[in-house]
C-alpha atoms as a PDB file:
ATOM      1  CA  UNK A   1     -43.004 -42.324 -20.506  1.00  0.00           C
ATOM      2  CA  UNK A   2     -43.774 -42.343 -16.763  1.00  0.00           C
ATOM      3  CA  UNK A   3     -40.242 -43.524 -15.951  1.00  0.00           C
ATOM      4  CA  UNK A   4     -38.779 -40.719 -18.084  1.00  0.00           C
ATOM      5  CA  UNK A   5     -40.945 -38.147 -16.275  1.00  0.00           C
ATOM      6  CA  UNK A   6     -39.839 -39.391 -12.850  1.00  0.00           C
ATOM      7  CA  UNK A   7     -36.200 -39.237 -13.949  1.00  0.00           C
ATOM      8  CA  UNK A   8     -36.541 -35.611 -14.991  1.00  0.00           C
ATOM      9  CA  UNK A   9     -38.310 -34.756 -11.724  1.00  0.00           C
ATOM     10  CA  UNK A  10     -35.590 -36.398  -9.624  1.00  0.00           C
ATOM     11  CA  UNK A  11     -32.903 -34.570 -11.593  1.00  0.00           C
ATOM     12  CA  UNK A  12     -34.739 -31.270 -11.098  1.00  0.00           C
ATOM     13  CA  UNK A  13     -35.143 -31.873  -7.359  1.00  0.00           C
ATOM     14  CA  UNK A  14     -31.452 -32.751  -7.087  1.00  0.00           C
ATOM     15  CA  UNK A  15     -30.342 -29.448  -8.608  1.00  0.00           C
ATOM     16  CA  UNK A  16     -32.883 -27.499  -6.536  1.00  0.00           C
ATOM     17  CA  UNK A  17     -31.547 -29.121  -3.368  1.00  0.00           C
ATOM     18  CA  UNK A  18     -27.960 -28.452  -4.437  1.00  0.00           C
ATOM     19  CA  UNK A  19     -28.811 -24.799  -5.052  1.00  0.00           C
ATOM     20  CA  UNK A  20     -30.386 -24.487  -1.603  1.00  0.00           C
ATOM     21  CA  UNK A  21     -27.283 -25.973   0.025  1.00  0.00           C
ATOM     22  CA  UNK A  22     -25.094 -23.557  -1.941  1.00  0.00           C
ATOM     23  CA  UNK A  23     -27.006 -20.366  -1.052  1.00  0.00           C
ATOM     24  CA  UNK A  24     -28.009 -21.317   2.515  1.00  0.00           C
ATOM     25  CA  UNK A  25     -24.776 -20.039   4.221  1.00  0.00           C
ATOM     26  CA  UNK A  26     -25.297 -16.681   2.514  1.00  0.00           C
ATOM     27  CA  UNK A  27     -29.024 -16.353   3.251  1.00  0.00           C
ATOM     28  CA  UNK A  28     -28.651 -17.542   6.852  1.00  0.00           C
ATOM     29  CA  UNK A  29     -25.518 -15.408   7.385  1.00  0.00           C
ATOM     30  CA  UNK A  30     -23.696 -18.319   8.978  1.00  0.00           C
ATOM     31  CA  UNK A  31     -20.385 -17.830  10.780  1.00  0.00           C
ATOM     32  CA  UNK A  32     -18.166 -19.982   8.585  1.00  0.00           C
ATOM     33  CA  UNK A  33     -15.605 -20.441  11.363  1.00  0.00           C
ATOM     34  CA  UNK A  34     -18.094 -21.885  13.884  1.00  0.00           C
ATOM     35  CA  UNK A  35     -20.792 -23.585  11.827  1.00  0.00           C
ATOM     36  CA  UNK A  36     -20.864 -27.349  11.296  1.00  0.00           C
ATOM     37  CA  UNK A  37     -22.745 -26.910   8.043  1.00  0.00           C
ATOM     38  CA  UNK A  38     -20.939 -29.068   5.437  1.00  0.00           C
ATOM     39  CA  UNK A  39     -20.758 -26.369   2.757  1.00  0.00           C
ATOM     40  CA  UNK A  40     -18.501 -23.558   4.026  1.00  0.00           C
ATOM     41  CA  UNK A  41     -18.561 -20.944   1.297  1.00  0.00           C
ATOM     42  CA  UNK A  42     -20.659 -17.830   0.858  1.00  0.00           C
ATOM     43  CA  UNK A  43     -21.731 -15.997  -2.263  1.00  0.00           C
ATOM     44  CA  UNK A  44     -20.015 -12.626  -2.386  1.00  0.00           C
ATOM     45  CA  UNK A  45     -22.773 -10.064  -2.893  1.00  0.00           C
ATOM     46  CA  UNK A  46     -21.848  -6.839  -4.645  1.00  0.00           C
ATOM     47  CA  UNK A  47     -22.895  -3.258  -3.961  1.00  0.00           C
ATOM     48  CA  UNK A  48     -26.117  -3.665  -5.935  1.00  0.00           C
ATOM     49  CA  UNK A  49     -27.319  -6.513  -3.674  1.00  0.00           C
ATOM     50  CA  UNK A  50     -26.110  -5.584  -0.198  1.00  0.00           C
ATOM     51  CA  UNK A  51     -25.150  -1.916  -0.392  1.00  0.00           C
ATOM     52  CA  UNK A  52     -21.883  -0.538   0.881  1.00  0.00           C
ATOM     53  CA  UNK A  53     -19.482   2.254   0.017  1.00  0.00           C
ATOM     54  CA  UNK A  54     -18.459   3.636  -3.382  1.00  0.00           C
ATOM     55  CA  UNK A  55     -15.641   6.185  -3.458  1.00  0.00           C
ATOM     56  CA  UNK A  56     -13.755   8.000  -6.201  1.00  0.00           C
ATOM     57  CA  UNK A  57     -10.454   9.399  -4.926  1.00  0.00           C
ATOM     58  CA  UNK A  58      -8.233  11.869  -6.771  1.00  0.00           C
ATOM     59  CA  UNK A  59      -4.433  12.076  -6.726  1.00  0.00           C
ATOM     60  CA  UNK A  60      -2.908  15.556  -6.396  1.00  0.00           C
ATOM     61  CA  UNK A  61       0.000  15.205  -8.809  1.00  0.00           C
ATOM     62  CA  UNK A  62       0.909  18.888  -8.537  1.00  0.00           C
ATOM     63  CA  UNK A  63       1.721  18.262  -4.864  1.00  0.00           C
ATOM     64  CA  UNK A  64       3.669  15.115  -5.785  1.00  0.00           C
ATOM     65  CA  UNK A  65       5.700  16.988  -8.408  1.00  0.00           C
ATOM     66  CA  UNK A  66       6.383  19.811  -5.947  1.00  0.00           C
ATOM     67  CA  UNK A  67       7.678  17.428  -3.265  1.00  0.00           C
ATOM     68  CA  UNK A  68       9.994  15.675  -5.728  1.00  0.00           C
ATOM     69  CA  UNK A  69      11.353  18.939  -7.148  1.00  0.00           C
ATOM     70  CA  UNK A  70      11.866  20.330  -3.625  1.00  0.00           C
ATOM     71  CA  UNK A  71      13.972  17.269  -2.797  1.00  0.00           C
ATOM     72  CA  UNK A  72      15.954  17.703  -6.014  1.00  0.00           C
ATOM     73  CA  UNK A  73      16.828  21.264  -4.964  1.00  0.00           C
ATOM     74  CA  UNK A  74      18.359  19.925  -1.750  1.00  0.00           C
ATOM     75  CA  UNK A  75      20.312  17.244  -3.618  1.00  0.00           C
ATOM     76  CA  UNK A  76      21.565  19.723  -6.241  1.00  0.00           C
ATOM     77  CA  UNK A  77      22.766  22.136  -3.557  1.00  0.00           C
ATOM     78  CA  UNK A  78      24.624  19.369  -1.713  1.00  0.00           C
ATOM     79  CA  UNK A  79      26.161  17.981  -4.911  1.00  0.00           C
ATOM     80  CA  UNK A  80      27.545  21.324  -6.108  1.00  0.00           C
ATOM     81  CA  UNK A  81      28.814  22.192  -2.635  1.00  0.00           C
ATOM     82  CA  UNK A  82      30.697  18.894  -2.538  1.00  0.00           C
ATOM     83  CA  UNK A  83      32.329  19.748  -5.895  1.00  0.00           C
ATOM     84  CA  UNK A  84      33.244  23.268  -4.747  1.00  0.00           C
ATOM     85  CA  UNK A  85      31.079  24.906  -7.414  1.00  0.00           C
ATOM     86  CA  UNK A  86      29.332  27.958  -6.044  1.00  0.00           C
ATOM     87  CA  UNK A  87      25.691  28.499  -6.988  1.00  0.00           C
ATOM     88  CA  UNK A  88      24.299  31.958  -6.403  1.00  0.00           C
ATOM     89  CA  UNK A  89      20.830  30.512  -5.821  1.00  0.00           C
ATOM     90  CA  UNK A  90      18.806  27.331  -6.250  1.00  0.00           C
ATOM     91  CA  UNK A  91      15.051  27.722  -5.933  1.00  0.00           C
ATOM     92  CA  UNK A  92      11.744  26.330  -7.148  1.00  0.00           C
ATOM     93  CA  UNK A  93       9.386  28.305  -9.372  1.00  0.00           C
ATOM     94  CA  UNK A  94       5.764  27.150  -9.358  1.00  0.00           C
ATOM     95  CA  UNK A  95       4.418  29.839 -11.647  1.00  0.00           C
ATOM     96  CA  UNK A  96       5.080  30.063 -15.359  1.00  0.00           C
ATOM     97  CA  UNK A  97       5.768  26.342 -15.746  1.00  0.00           C
ATOM     98  CA  UNK A  98       6.114  24.797 -19.233  1.00  0.00           C
ATOM     99  CA  UNK A  99       3.032  24.798 -21.447  1.00  0.00           C
ATOM    100  CA  UNK A 100       3.190  21.016 -22.018  1.00  0.00           C
ATOM    101  CA  UNK A 101       2.568  20.390 -18.301  1.00  0.00           C
ATOM    102  CA  UNK A 102       1.351  23.417 -16.313  1.00  0.00           C
ATOM    103  CA  UNK A 103       1.545  21.419 -13.079  1.00  0.00           C
ATOM    104  CA  UNK A 104       5.279  20.845 -13.487  1.00  0.00           C
ATOM    105  CA  UNK A 105       7.308  23.190 -11.233  1.00  0.00           C
ATOM    106  CA  UNK A 106      10.741  24.363 -12.373  1.00  0.00           C
ATOM    107  CA  UNK A 107      14.133  24.616 -10.678  1.00  0.00           C
ATOM    108  CA  UNK A 108      15.989  27.890 -11.246  1.00  0.00           C
ATOM    109  CA  UNK A 109      19.792  27.818 -10.990  1.00  0.00           C
ATOM    110  CA  UNK A 110      21.901  30.975 -10.884  1.00  0.00           C
ATOM    111  CA  UNK A 111      25.692  30.746 -11.158  1.00  0.00           C
ATOM    112  CA  UNK A 112      28.799  32.388 -12.576  1.00  0.00           C
ATOM    113  CA  UNK A 113      28.390  32.379 -16.396  1.00  0.00           C
ATOM    114  CA  UNK A 114      31.998  31.196 -16.690  1.00  0.00           C
ATOM    115  CA  UNK A 115      31.004  27.921 -15.001  1.00  0.00           C
ATOM    116  CA  UNK A 116      28.078  27.211 -17.314  1.00  0.00           C
ATOM    117  CA  UNK A 117      29.659  24.148 -18.975  1.00  0.00           C
ATOM    118  CA  UNK A 118      30.662  22.600 -15.642  1.00  0.00           C
ATOM    119  CA  UNK A 119      27.190  23.174 -14.184  1.00  0.00           C
ATOM    120  CA  UNK A 120      25.425  21.764 -17.241  1.00  0.00           C
ATOM    121  CA  UNK A 121      27.710  18.697 -17.308  1.00  0.00           C
ATOM    122  CA  UNK A 122      26.898  17.831 -13.691  1.00  0.00           C
ATOM    123  CA  UNK A 123      23.165  18.313 -14.206  1.00  0.00           C
ATOM    124  CA  UNK A 124      23.158  16.143 -17.323  1.00  0.00           C
ATOM    125  CA  UNK A 125      25.213  13.369 -15.695  1.00  0.00           C
ATOM    126  CA  UNK A 126      23.768  13.187 -12.173  1.00  0.00           C
ATOM    127  CA  UNK A 127      20.207  14.481 -12.508  1.00  0.00           C
ATOM    128  CA  UNK A 128      18.760  12.441 -15.350  1.00  0.00           C
ATOM    129  CA  UNK A 129      15.173  12.935 -14.178  1.00  0.00           C
ATOM    130  CA  UNK A 130      15.442  16.642 -15.064  1.00  0.00           C
ATOM    131  CA  UNK A 131      15.284  18.299 -18.482  1.00  0.00           C
ATOM    132  CA  UNK A 132      16.543  21.682 -19.634  1.00  0.00           C
ATOM    133  CA  UNK A 133      13.667  24.147 -19.987  1.00  0.00           C
ATOM    134  CA  UNK A 134      15.540  27.445 -20.312  1.00  0.00           C
ATOM    135  CA  UNK A 135      19.183  28.479 -20.793  1.00  0.00           C
ATOM    136  CA  UNK A 136      20.289  32.081 -20.239  1.00  0.00           C
ATOM    137  CA  UNK A 137      23.577  33.692 -19.246  1.00  0.00           C
ATOM    138  CA  UNK A 138      24.297  32.436 -15.733  1.00  0.00           C
ATOM    139  CA  UNK A 139      20.845  30.848 -15.398  1.00  0.00           C
ATOM    140  CA  UNK A 140      19.342  27.421 -16.082  1.00  0.00           C
ATOM    141  CA  UNK A 141      15.694  26.392 -15.804  1.00  0.00           C
ATOM    142  CA  UNK A 142      15.068  22.702 -15.173  1.00  0.00           C
ATOM    143  CA  UNK A 143      11.888  20.624 -15.081  1.00  0.00           C
ATOM    144  CA  UNK A 144      10.968  16.971 -14.732  1.00  0.00           C
ATOM    145  CA  UNK A 145      11.303  14.943 -17.929  1.00  0.00           C
ATOM    146  CA  UNK A 146       8.161  13.643 -19.586  1.00  0.00           C
ATOM    147  CA  UNK A 147       9.270  10.057 -18.885  1.00  0.00           C
ATOM    148  CA  UNK A 148       9.778  10.893 -15.221  1.00  0.00           C
ATOM    149  CA  UNK A 149       6.348  12.526 -14.931  1.00  0.00           C
ATOM    150  CA  UNK A 150       4.698   9.478 -16.500  1.00  0.00           C
ATOM    151  CA  UNK A 151       6.633   7.177 -14.173  1.00  0.00           C
ATOM    152  CA  UNK A 152       5.628   9.299 -11.166  1.00  0.00           C
ATOM    153  CA  UNK A 153       1.964   9.165 -12.189  1.00  0.00           C
ATOM    154  CA  UNK A 154       1.957   5.397 -12.632  1.00  0.00           C
ATOM    155  CA  UNK A 155       3.974   4.759  -9.477  1.00  0.00           C
ATOM    156  CA  UNK A 156       1.881   7.126  -7.357  1.00  0.00           C
ATOM    157  CA  UNK A 157      -1.440   5.602  -8.470  1.00  0.00           C
ATOM    158  CA  UNK A 158      -0.135   2.055  -7.864  1.00  0.00           C
ATOM    159  CA  UNK A 159       1.180   3.032  -4.437  1.00  0.00           C
ATOM    160  CA  UNK A 160      -2.146   4.675  -3.594  1.00  0.00           C
ATOM    161  CA  UNK A 161      -4.026   1.513  -4.555  1.00  0.00           C
ATOM    162  CA  UNK A 162      -1.731  -0.620  -2.392  1.00  0.00           C
ATOM    163  CA  UNK A 163      -2.054   1.721   0.599  1.00  0.00           C
ATOM    164  CA  UNK A 164      -5.848   1.749   0.262  1.00  0.00           C
ATOM    165  CA  UNK A 165      -5.932  -2.045  -0.049  1.00  0.00           C
ATOM    166  CA  UNK A 166      -3.866  -2.440   3.129  1.00  0.00           C
ATOM    167  CA  UNK A 167      -6.215  -0.110   4.996  1.00  0.00           C
ATOM    168  CA  UNK A 168      -9.318  -1.890   3.735  1.00  0.00           C
ATOM    169  CA  UNK A 169      -7.962  -5.184   5.078  1.00  0.00           C
ATOM    170  CA  UNK A 170      -8.555  -3.578   8.479  1.00  0.00           C
ATOM    171  CA  UNK A 171     -12.306  -4.031   7.888  1.00  0.00           C
ATOM    172  CA  UNK A 172     -12.151  -7.567   6.498  1.00  0.00           C
ATOM    173  CA  UNK A 173     -14.391  -6.628   3.556  1.00  0.00           C
ATOM    174  CA  UNK A 174     -15.176  -9.501   1.203  1.00  0.00           C
ATOM    175  CA  UNK A 175     -13.772  -8.889  -2.280  1.00  0.00           C
ATOM    176  CA  UNK A 176     -13.225  -5.118  -2.243  1.00  0.00           C
ATOM    177  CA  UNK A 177     -12.831  -3.617  -5.720  1.00  0.00           C
ATOM    178  CA  UNK A 178      -9.982  -1.113  -6.044  1.00  0.00           C
ATOM    179  CA  UNK A 179      -8.873   0.100  -9.458  1.00  0.00           C
ATOM    180  CA  UNK A 180      -7.442   3.115 -11.240  1.00  0.00           C
ATOM    181  CA  UNK A 181      -9.743   5.281 -13.344  1.00  0.00           C
ATOM    182  CA  UNK A 182      -8.195   7.557 -15.921  1.00  0.00           C
ATOM    183  CA  UNK A 183      -4.824   9.071 -15.071  1.00  0.00           C
ATOM    184  CA  UNK A 184      -5.438  10.522 -11.621  1.00  0.00           C
ATOM    185  CA  UNK A 185      -8.324   8.726  -9.915  1.00  0.00           C
ATOM    186  CA  UNK A 186      -8.814   5.578  -7.848  1.00  0.00           C
ATOM    187  CA  UNK A 187     -12.232   3.903  -7.540  1.00  0.00           C
ATOM    188  CA  UNK A 188     -13.022   1.980  -4.347  1.00  0.00           C
ATOM    189  CA  UNK A 189     -16.043  -0.321  -3.863  1.00  0.00           C
ATOM    190  CA  UNK A 190     -16.646  -1.843  -0.422  1.00  0.00           C
ATOM    191  CA  UNK A 191     -19.746  -4.073  -0.486  1.00  0.00           C
ATOM    192  CA  UNK A 192     -21.506  -4.683   2.807  1.00  0.00           C
ATOM    193  CA  UNK A 193     -19.410  -2.318   4.918  1.00  0.00           C
ATOM    194  CA  UNK A 194     -21.226  -0.872   7.938  1.00  0.00           C
ATOM    195  CA  UNK A 195     -18.730   1.657   9.349  1.00  0.00           C
ATOM    196  CA  UNK A 196     -18.965   4.051   6.403  1.00  0.00           C
ATOM    197  CA  UNK A 197     -17.675   7.179   8.166  1.00  0.00           C
ATOM    198  CA  UNK A 198     -14.730   5.342   9.713  1.00  0.00           C
ATOM    199  CA  UNK A 199     -13.875   3.780   6.351  1.00  0.00           C
ATOM    200  CA  UNK A 200     -13.828   7.195   4.676  1.00  0.00           C
ATOM    201  CA  UNK A 201     -11.610   8.577   7.419  1.00  0.00           C
ATOM    202  CA  UNK A 202      -9.216   5.621   7.317  1.00  0.00           C
ATOM    203  CA  UNK A 203      -8.914   5.563   3.527  1.00  0.00           C
ATOM    204  CA  UNK A 204      -8.527   9.321   3.176  1.00  0.00           C
ATOM    205  CA  UNK A 205      -5.980   9.974   5.914  1.00  0.00           C
ATOM    206  CA  UNK A 206      -2.356  10.789   5.131  1.00  0.00           C
ATOM    207  CA  UNK A 207      -0.056   7.771   5.163  1.00  0.00           C
ATOM    208  CA  UNK A 208       2.658   7.771   7.828  1.00  0.00           C
ATOM    209  CA  UNK A 209       5.858   5.877   7.091  1.00  0.00           C
ATOM    210  CA  UNK A 210       7.859   4.552  10.048  1.00  0.00           C
ATOM    211  CA  UNK A 211      10.887   2.282  10.294  1.00  0.00           C
ATOM    212  CA  UNK A 212      11.520   0.259  13.437  1.00  0.00           C
ATOM    213  CA  UNK A 213      14.564  -1.927  14.072  1.00  0.00           C
ATOM    214  CA  UNK A 214      14.056  -5.694  14.378  1.00  0.00           C
ATOM    215  CA  UNK A 215      15.392  -6.987  17.705  1.00  0.00           C
ATOM    216  CA  UNK A 216      17.017 -10.277  16.674  1.00  0.00           C
ATOM    217  CA  UNK A 217      19.416 -10.270  19.634  1.00  0.00           C
ATOM    218  CA  UNK A 218      16.807 -10.608  22.366  1.00  0.00           C
ATOM    219  CA  UNK A 219      14.872 -13.347  20.551  1.00  0.00           C
ATOM    220  CA  UNK A 220      15.532 -15.261  17.358  1.00  0.00           C
ATOM    221  CA  UNK A 221      12.873 -15.236  14.604  1.00  0.00           C
ATOM    222  CA  UNK A 222      12.132 -18.866  15.439  1.00  0.00           C
ATOM    223  CA  UNK A 223      11.548 -18.047  19.101  1.00  0.00           C
ATOM    224  CA  UNK A 224       9.237 -15.171  18.181  1.00  0.00           C
ATOM    225  CA  UNK A 225       7.227 -17.383  15.826  1.00  0.00           C
ATOM    226  CA  UNK A 226       6.930 -20.103  18.482  1.00  0.00           C
ATOM    227  CA  UNK A 227       5.881 -17.585  21.142  1.00  0.00           C
ATOM    228  CA  UNK A 228       3.102 -16.184  18.953  1.00  0.00           C
ATOM    229  CA  UNK A 229       1.979 -19.679  17.927  1.00  0.00           C
ATOM    230  CA  UNK A 230       1.836 -20.836  21.565  1.00  0.00           C
ATOM    231  CA  UNK A 231      -0.073 -17.752  22.702  1.00  0.00           C
ATOM    232  CA  UNK A 232      -2.653 -17.996  19.919  1.00  0.00           C
ATOM    233  CA  UNK A 233      -3.137 -21.709  20.598  1.00  0.00           C
ATOM    234  CA  UNK A 234      -3.411 -21.351  24.384  1.00  0.00           C
ATOM    235  CA  UNK A 235      -5.920 -18.508  24.108  1.00  0.00           C
ATOM    236  CA  UNK A 236      -7.737 -19.893  21.047  1.00  0.00           C
ATOM    237  CA  UNK A 237      -7.128 -16.731  19.010  1.00  0.00           C
ATOM    238  CA  UNK A 238      -8.057 -16.829  15.338  1.00  0.00           C
ATOM    239  CA  UNK A 239      -8.105 -13.976  12.867  1.00  0.00           C
ATOM    240  CA  UNK A 240     -11.686 -13.921  11.602  1.00  0.00           C
ATOM    241  CA  UNK A 241     -13.179 -12.258   8.562  1.00  0.00           C
ATOM    242  CA  UNK A 242     -14.472  -8.832   9.534  1.00  0.00           C
ATOM    243  CA  UNK A 243     -12.133  -8.512  12.528  1.00  0.00           C
ATOM    244  CA  UNK A 244      -9.914  -5.423  12.626  1.00  0.00           C
ATOM    245  CA  UNK A 245      -6.326  -6.502  12.159  1.00  0.00           C
ATOM    246  CA  UNK A 246      -5.078  -3.780  14.528  1.00  0.00           C
ATOM    247  CA  UNK A 247      -7.225  -5.311  17.287  1.00  0.00           C
ATOM    248  CA  UNK A 248      -5.723  -8.738  16.587  1.00  0.00           C
ATOM    249  CA  UNK A 249      -2.165  -7.348  16.804  1.00  0.00           C
ATOM    250  CA  UNK A 250      -2.993  -5.452  19.998  1.00  0.00           C
ATOM    251  CA  UNK A 251      -4.421  -8.612  21.573  1.00  0.00           C
ATOM    252  CA  UNK A 252      -1.253 -10.547  20.710  1.00  0.00           C
ATOM    253  CA  UNK A 253       0.954  -7.815  22.192  1.00  0.00           C
ATOM    254  CA  UNK A 254      -1.125  -7.685  25.376  1.00  0.00           C
ATOM    255  CA  UNK A 255      -0.696 -11.441  25.856  1.00  0.00           C
ATOM    256  CA  UNK A 256       3.068 -11.527  25.202  1.00  0.00           C
ATOM    257  CA  UNK A 257       3.898  -8.302  27.051  1.00  0.00           C
ATOM    258  CA  UNK A 258       5.411 -10.100  30.031  1.00  0.00           C
ATOM    259  CA  UNK A 259       7.320 -12.528  27.795  1.00  0.00           C
ATOM    260  CA  UNK A 260       9.209 -10.068  25.580  1.00  0.00           C
ATOM    261  CA  UNK A 261      11.791  -7.390  26.488  1.00  0.00           C
ATOM    262  CA  UNK A 262      10.593  -3.979  27.597  1.00  0.00           C
ATOM    263  CA  UNK A 263      10.227  -1.359  24.827  1.00  0.00           C
ATOM    264  CA  UNK A 264       9.636  -4.014  22.168  1.00  0.00           C
ATOM    265  CA  UNK A 265       6.524  -5.130  20.320  1.00  0.00           C
ATOM    266  CA  UNK A 266       5.265  -7.796  17.940  1.00  0.00           C
ATOM    267  CA  UNK A 267       4.503  -6.871  14.333  1.00  0.00           C
ATOM    268  CA  UNK A 268       3.604  -9.002  11.322  1.00  0.00           C
ATOM    269  CA  UNK A 269       4.849  -9.245   7.758  1.00  0.00           C
ATOM    270  CA  UNK A 270       2.088  -9.959   5.257  1.00  0.00           C
ATOM    271  CA  UNK A 271       2.612 -13.110   3.225  1.00  0.00           C
ATOM    272  CA  UNK A 272      -0.852 -13.473   1.702  1.00  0.00           C
ATOM    273  CA  UNK A 273      -3.836 -11.184   1.173  1.00  0.00           C
ATOM    274  CA  UNK A 274      -7.348 -11.717   2.508  1.00  0.00           C
ATOM    275  CA  UNK A 275      -8.524 -12.613  -1.004  1.00  0.00           C
ATOM    276  CA  UNK A 276      -5.930 -15.397  -1.261  1.00  0.00           C
ATOM    277  CA  UNK A 277      -6.894 -16.677   2.177  1.00  0.00           C
ATOM    278  CA  UNK A 278     -10.587 -16.699   1.198  1.00  0.00           C
ATOM    279  CA  UNK A 279      -9.881 -18.620  -1.997  1.00  0.00           C
ATOM    280  CA  UNK A 280      -8.192 -21.390  -0.004  1.00  0.00           C
ATOM    281  CA  UNK A 281     -10.811 -21.317   2.748  1.00  0.00           C
ATOM    282  CA  UNK A 282      -8.419 -20.717   5.653  1.00  0.00           C
ATOM    283  CA  UNK A 283      -9.306 -17.297   7.023  1.00  0.00           C
ATOM    284  CA  UNK A 284      -8.591 -18.569  10.525  1.00  0.00           C
ATOM    285  CA  UNK A 285      -4.880 -18.777   9.698  1.00  0.00           C
ATOM    286  CA  UNK A 286      -2.847 -15.573   9.687  1.00  0.00           C
ATOM    287  CA  UNK A 287      -0.166 -16.471   7.120  1.00  0.00           C
ATOM    288  CA  UNK A 288       1.897 -13.590   8.420  1.00  0.00           C
ATOM    289  CA  UNK A 289       5.395 -13.823   9.809  1.00  0.00           C
ATOM    290  CA  UNK A 290       5.807 -12.280  13.283  1.00  0.00           C
ATOM    291  CA  UNK A 291       8.755 -10.034  14.147  1.00  0.00           C
ATOM    292  CA  UNK A 292      10.030  -8.590  17.398  1.00  0.00           C
ATOM    293  CA  UNK A 293      10.578  -4.854  16.869  1.00  0.00           C
ATOM    294  CA  UNK A 294      11.965  -2.112  19.061  1.00  0.00           C
ATOM    295  CA  UNK A 295       9.117   0.258  19.891  1.00  0.00           C
ATOM    296  CA  UNK A 296      11.199   3.360  19.188  1.00  0.00           C
ATOM    297  CA  UNK A 297      10.820   4.800  15.675  1.00  0.00           C
ATOM    298  CA  UNK A 298      14.323   5.226  14.200  1.00  0.00           C
ATOM    299  CA  UNK A 299      13.442   6.618  10.764  1.00  0.00           C
ATOM    300  CA  UNK A 300      10.296   8.270   9.410  1.00  0.00           C
ATOM    301  CA  UNK A 301       9.230   9.261   5.923  1.00  0.00           C
ATOM    302  CA  UNK A 302      10.499  12.786   6.619  1.00  0.00           C
ATOM    303  CA  UNK A 303      14.051  11.409   6.681  1.00  0.00           C
ATOM    304  CA  UNK A 304      13.813   9.951   3.162  1.00  0.00           C
ATOM    305  CA  UNK A 305      14.336  11.762  -0.122  1.00  0.00           C
ATOM    306  CA  UNK A 306      12.763   9.143  -2.389  1.00  0.00           C
ATOM    307  CA  UNK A 307      11.981   5.438  -2.593  1.00  0.00           C
ATOM    308  CA  UNK A 308      11.621   3.228  -5.649  1.00  0.00           C
ATOM    309  CA  UNK A 309      11.086  -0.484  -6.232  1.00  0.00           C
ATOM    310  CA  UNK A 310      14.047  -2.360  -7.710  1.00  0.00           C
ATOM    311  CA  UNK A 311      15.168  -5.992  -7.959  1.00  0.00           C
ATOM    312  CA  UNK A 312      18.128  -7.639  -6.279  1.00  0.00           C
ATOM    313  CA  UNK A 313      20.481  -8.735  -9.108  1.00  0.00           C
ATOM    314  CA  UNK A 314      21.500 -11.845  -7.147  1.00  0.00           C
ATOM    315  CA  UNK A 315      18.091 -13.390  -6.446  1.00  0.00           C
ATOM    316  CA  UNK A 316      15.674 -11.130  -8.406  1.00  0.00           C
ATOM    317  CA  UNK A 317      13.640 -10.432  -5.284  1.00  0.00           C
ATOM    318  CA  UNK A 318      11.993  -6.986  -5.030  1.00  0.00           C
ATOM    319  CA  UNK A 319      13.830  -4.465  -2.871  1.00  0.00           C
ATOM    320  CA  UNK A 320      13.326  -0.803  -1.976  1.00  0.00           C
ATOM    321  CA  UNK A 321      16.096   1.667  -2.708  1.00  0.00           C
END
């Protein structure tokens, strides 16, 4: 009986000790990159245990619809001009939209009634995202199809989530929760974040799309990768959890400034997320491919009409078209 009691006590003490070892890095707030403590994993505390930021963001689909329809007006005008079909007017009407979707603006076309069949044929063939709302003598009213509106909603929410996730990586927040809620909202939970005002400003700002040309002539991709690897090793630079990624990139560019051509800069392509890096316990490794880019911005989002995700038929890799 005594032996059995001692066995149970030893087993209990073992699990108590194991629990202490498991929670100690969290309670002591150890720096996992510098500590020599054998167990290098923290418990991720949620909002209820450590506080943080909870945001509900809304998507203005009326503005999204308007931008898409405005672009369609430009494309329609160019298409008919190319085919030598004269349109008296092409404009957008935001009032009196269809009852099934009051936020859906309409395109009003005015033309010679004798060309009605030719106009309708072109619209039906080339502008499949539009549906016929009204048909009068010399006038057509067009709106986005229901399928297109649903696709826009889903695509816009998914894009918003991805943009927010990329911005949150700037703070190095452990396990941020970002998810859609309903049809037009995105919920963001950032446990443990300290810079609340800056986070709100960063998440809520308008996204700016820029395209810069990769300079493969001055340095090959292999040379760029080796240069970055050498600089980070020589200066003992590691990307740490909680560090702002923009500061890391700026530090790299400051160190390589004299070793790369003038009017160029180093940028990184993401290959893995912070969550994936945490799961494998290698936050000190960037897992991002460096590129040498020309500093000049060649194309901005204002130069694009639309962008959608597609797949390359040859290798099935995702592409943007």
